[in-house]
Structure formats: C-alpha cells, structure tokens
Amino acid sequence: MLYKSKVAFASIDWQDFVVVETIEFTVADAEADLPLPMTRKTLENLNSIKKKADKVFEEIEPGEDIMVFL
C-alpha cells in the first residue's frame, strides 16, 4: 500500500501546479476560540433536515403563508 502511494506521488507532474494565493496565519488565528468540528453524524442529520425542508418548500404555493417550527 505504501509503495502504491509513493508511485502515485512520484507520477504527479508538479509543473502543472501554480501558487495562486498564500495564506498567512497570525498569532490571533492560533488563539482564536473556534467551535469544535462537526461529526459526520451531525452533518448527515443536517443534510437530512435540509432535504426534508427543500421537499416541503417545493410544495408551497407562491404567496402562501407558512409556519416554521424548529
């Protein structure tokens, strides 16, 4: 397996790539109080909720009053 990844890496033509932007991280970035990453299960649940909401909104007629419960 390791051999295959080395072969794949060596077969990349690095001359095809161009740096388009450089991101500089500051001390403030390192100390930022960021939320924890979402779990896969949370993302799947959000995706499921979005699909259900999209289906409901497809059925609503223009100008129709709606109530949304979260």
N, C-alpha and C. Protein backbone atom coordinates (compact mmCIF):
# COMPACT_ATOMS: atom_id res chain seq x y z
N MET A 1 0.84 -1.19 0.00
CA MET A 1 0.00 0.00 0.00
C MET A 1 0.88 1.26 0.00
N LEU A 2 1.89 1.28 0.83
CA LEU A 2 2.78 2.42 0.89
C LEU A 2 3.49 2.62 -0.44
N TYR A 3 3.85 1.52 -1.09
CA TYR A 3 4.53 1.59 -2.37
C TYR A 3 3.65 2.27 -3.42
N LYS A 4 2.35 1.91 -3.44
CA LYS A 4 1.42 2.49 -4.41
C LYS A 4 1.29 4.00 -4.21
N SER A 5 1.24 4.44 -2.97
CA SER A 5 1.10 5.88 -2.72
C SER A 5 2.36 6.63 -3.14
N LYS A 6 3.53 6.01 -2.95
CA LYS A 6 4.77 6.65 -3.39
C LYS A 6 4.83 6.74 -4.91
N VAL A 7 4.38 5.71 -5.59
CA VAL A 7 4.36 5.72 -7.05
C VAL A 7 3.39 6.79 -7.55
N ALA A 8 2.22 6.86 -6.92
CA ALA A 8 1.23 7.86 -7.31
C ALA A 8 1.77 9.28 -7.10
N PHE A 9 2.44 9.50 -5.98
CA PHE A 9 3.01 10.82 -5.69
C PHE A 9 4.10 11.17 -6.69
N ALA A 10 4.93 10.20 -7.02
CA ALA A 10 6.03 10.44 -7.96
C ALA A 10 5.53 10.67 -9.38
N SER A 11 4.33 10.18 -9.69
CA SER A 11 3.82 10.32 -11.05
C SER A 11 3.13 11.67 -11.30
N ILE A 12 2.97 12.48 -10.27
CA ILE A 12 2.34 13.79 -10.42
C ILE A 12 3.30 14.75 -11.12
N ASP A 13 2.80 15.43 -12.13
CA ASP A 13 3.60 16.43 -12.83
C ASP A 13 3.44 17.75 -12.09
N TRP A 14 4.37 18.04 -11.19
CA TRP A 14 4.26 19.22 -10.33
C TRP A 14 4.38 20.53 -11.10
N GLN A 15 4.83 20.49 -12.33
CA GLN A 15 4.93 21.70 -13.14
C GLN A 15 3.56 22.19 -13.59
N ASP A 16 2.53 21.34 -13.44
CA ASP A 16 1.17 21.73 -13.80
C ASP A 16 0.50 22.61 -12.74
N PHE A 17 1.12 22.75 -11.58
CA PHE A 17 0.52 23.49 -10.47
C PHE A 17 1.13 24.88 -10.37
N VAL A 18 0.29 25.83 -9.93
CA VAL A 18 0.71 27.21 -9.76
C VAL A 18 0.18 27.71 -8.42
N VAL A 19 1.00 28.43 -7.67
CA VAL A 19 0.55 29.03 -6.42
C VAL A 19 -0.27 30.26 -6.77
N VAL A 20 -1.54 30.29 -6.35
CA VAL A 20 -2.40 31.42 -6.67
C VAL A 20 -2.60 32.35 -5.48
N GLU A 21 -2.36 31.83 -4.28
CA GLU A 21 -2.52 32.68 -3.10
C GLU A 21 -1.77 32.03 -1.94
N THR A 22 -1.24 32.85 -1.09
CA THR A 22 -0.58 32.37 0.12
C THR A 22 -1.38 32.85 1.32
N ILE A 23 -1.68 31.94 2.21
CA ILE A 23 -2.42 32.28 3.41
C ILE A 23 -1.44 32.40 4.56
N GLU A 24 -1.46 33.54 5.23
CA GLU A 24 -0.59 33.74 6.38
C GLU A 24 -1.41 33.66 7.65
N PHE A 25 -0.97 32.83 8.57
CA PHE A 25 -1.64 32.68 9.85
C PHE A 25 -0.95 33.55 10.89
N THR A 26 -1.73 34.24 11.68
CA THR A 26 -1.20 35.13 12.70
C THR A 26 -1.35 34.50 14.08
N VAL A 27 -0.81 35.16 15.08
CA VAL A 27 -0.95 34.69 16.46
C VAL A 27 -2.43 34.69 16.84
N ALA A 28 -3.17 35.68 16.38
CA ALA A 28 -4.61 35.76 16.68
C ALA A 28 -5.34 34.54 16.10
N ASP A 29 -4.91 34.07 14.93
CA ASP A 29 -5.52 32.88 14.35
C ASP A 29 -5.28 31.65 15.22
N ALA A 30 -4.09 31.56 15.77
CA ALA A 30 -3.74 30.41 16.60
C ALA A 30 -4.50 30.43 17.92
N GLU A 31 -4.85 31.63 18.39
CA GLU A 31 -5.54 31.76 19.68
C GLU A 31 -7.04 31.91 19.54
N ALA A 32 -7.56 31.86 18.33
CA ALA A 32 -8.99 32.05 18.11
C ALA A 32 -9.79 30.94 18.78
N ASP A 33 -10.89 31.31 19.37
CA ASP A 33 -11.76 30.35 20.05
C ASP A 33 -12.78 29.82 19.04
N LEU A 34 -12.41 28.76 18.35
CA LEU A 34 -13.25 28.20 17.30
C LEU A 34 -14.10 27.05 17.82
N PRO A 35 -15.27 26.84 17.24
CA PRO A 35 -16.09 25.69 17.66
C PRO A 35 -15.44 24.39 17.21
N LEU A 36 -15.78 23.32 17.89
CA LEU A 36 -15.27 22.01 17.51
C LEU A 36 -15.84 21.63 16.14
N PRO A 37 -15.10 20.86 15.37
CA PRO A 37 -15.62 20.41 14.08
C PRO A 37 -16.87 19.54 14.27
N MET A 38 -17.75 19.58 13.30
CA MET A 38 -18.95 18.75 13.37
C MET A 38 -18.59 17.29 13.11
N THR A 39 -19.34 16.42 13.75
CA THR A 39 -19.15 15.00 13.50
C THR A 39 -19.85 14.63 12.20
N ARG A 40 -19.50 13.48 11.68
CA ARG A 40 -20.14 13.00 10.46
C ARG A 40 -21.64 12.81 10.67
N LYS A 41 -22.01 12.31 11.85
CA LYS A 41 -23.42 12.08 12.17
C LYS A 41 -24.19 13.40 12.17
N THR A 42 -23.60 14.45 12.73
CA THR A 42 -24.25 15.76 12.75
C THR A 42 -24.45 16.27 11.33
N LEU A 43 -23.44 16.14 10.49
CA LEU A 43 -23.57 16.58 9.10
C LEU A 43 -24.64 15.79 8.36
N GLU A 44 -24.72 14.48 8.62
CA GLU A 44 -25.75 13.66 7.99
C GLU A 44 -27.13 14.10 8.45
N ASN A 45 -27.29 14.41 9.73
CA ASN A 45 -28.57 14.87 10.26
C ASN A 45 -28.97 16.20 9.64
N LEU A 46 -28.02 17.14 9.53
CA LEU A 46 -28.31 18.44 8.92
C LEU A 46 -28.70 18.28 7.46
N ASN A 47 -28.02 17.38 6.76
CA ASN A 47 -28.33 17.13 5.36
C ASN A 47 -29.75 16.55 5.23
N SER A 48 -30.09 15.65 6.12
CA SER A 48 -31.43 15.05 6.10
C SER A 48 -32.50 16.11 6.35
N ILE A 49 -32.26 16.99 7.32
CA ILE A 49 -33.21 18.06 7.63
C ILE A 49 -33.36 18.99 6.43
N LYS A 50 -32.24 19.33 5.77
CA LYS A 50 -32.29 20.21 4.60
C LYS A 50 -33.10 19.58 3.48
N LYS A 51 -32.90 18.28 3.24
CA LYS A 51 -33.66 17.61 2.18
C LYS A 51 -35.15 17.64 2.47
N LYS A 52 -35.52 17.41 3.73
CA LYS A 52 -36.94 17.44 4.11
C LYS A 52 -37.51 18.85 3.93
N ALA A 53 -36.73 19.87 4.34
CA ALA A 53 -37.20 21.25 4.20
C ALA A 53 -37.34 21.63 2.73
N ASP A 54 -36.39 21.22 1.91
CA ASP A 54 -36.47 21.51 0.47
C ASP A 54 -37.73 20.90 -0.13
N LYS A 55 -38.06 19.67 0.29
CA LYS A 55 -39.25 19.00 -0.24
C LYS A 55 -40.52 19.75 0.17
N VAL A 56 -40.56 20.21 1.43
CA VAL A 56 -41.73 20.96 1.91
C VAL A 56 -41.86 22.27 1.15
N PHE A 57 -40.76 23.00 0.97
CA PHE A 57 -40.83 24.29 0.30
C PHE A 57 -41.17 24.16 -1.18
N GLU A 58 -40.88 23.01 -1.79
CA GLU A 58 -41.28 22.80 -3.19
C GLU A 58 -42.80 22.73 -3.32
N GLU A 59 -43.47 22.29 -2.25
CA GLU A 59 -44.92 22.09 -2.28
C GLU A 59 -45.70 23.36 -1.95
N ILE A 60 -45.02 24.41 -1.50
CA ILE A 60 -45.69 25.65 -1.10
C ILE A 60 -45.95 26.51 -2.32
N GLU A 61 -47.17 27.01 -2.40
CA GLU A 61 -47.55 27.90 -3.49
C GLU A 61 -47.01 29.30 -3.21
N PRO A 62 -46.64 30.05 -4.24
CA PRO A 62 -46.17 31.43 -4.04
C PRO A 62 -47.24 32.26 -3.33
N GLY A 63 -46.83 33.02 -2.32
CA GLY A 63 -47.75 33.87 -1.58
C GLY A 63 -48.46 33.15 -0.44
N GLU A 64 -48.29 31.85 -0.31
CA GLU A 64 -48.95 31.08 0.74
C GLU A 64 -48.24 31.33 2.08
N ASP A 65 -49.02 31.55 3.14
CA ASP A 65 -48.45 31.74 4.47
C ASP A 65 -47.99 30.40 5.01
N ILE A 66 -46.84 30.42 5.69
CA ILE A 66 -46.31 29.19 6.27
C ILE A 66 -45.87 29.44 7.70
N MET A 67 -45.83 28.39 8.51
CA MET A 67 -45.28 28.44 9.85
C MET A 67 -44.15 27.45 9.92
N VAL A 68 -43.04 27.87 10.46
CA VAL A 68 -41.87 27.01 10.57
C VAL A 68 -41.57 26.77 12.04
N PHE A 69 -41.45 25.52 12.42
CA PHE A 69 -41.12 25.15 13.80
C PHE A 69 -39.73 24.52 13.79
N LEU A 70 -38.86 25.04 14.61
CA LEU A 70 -37.50 24.49 14.70
C LEU A 70 -37.34 23.73 15.98
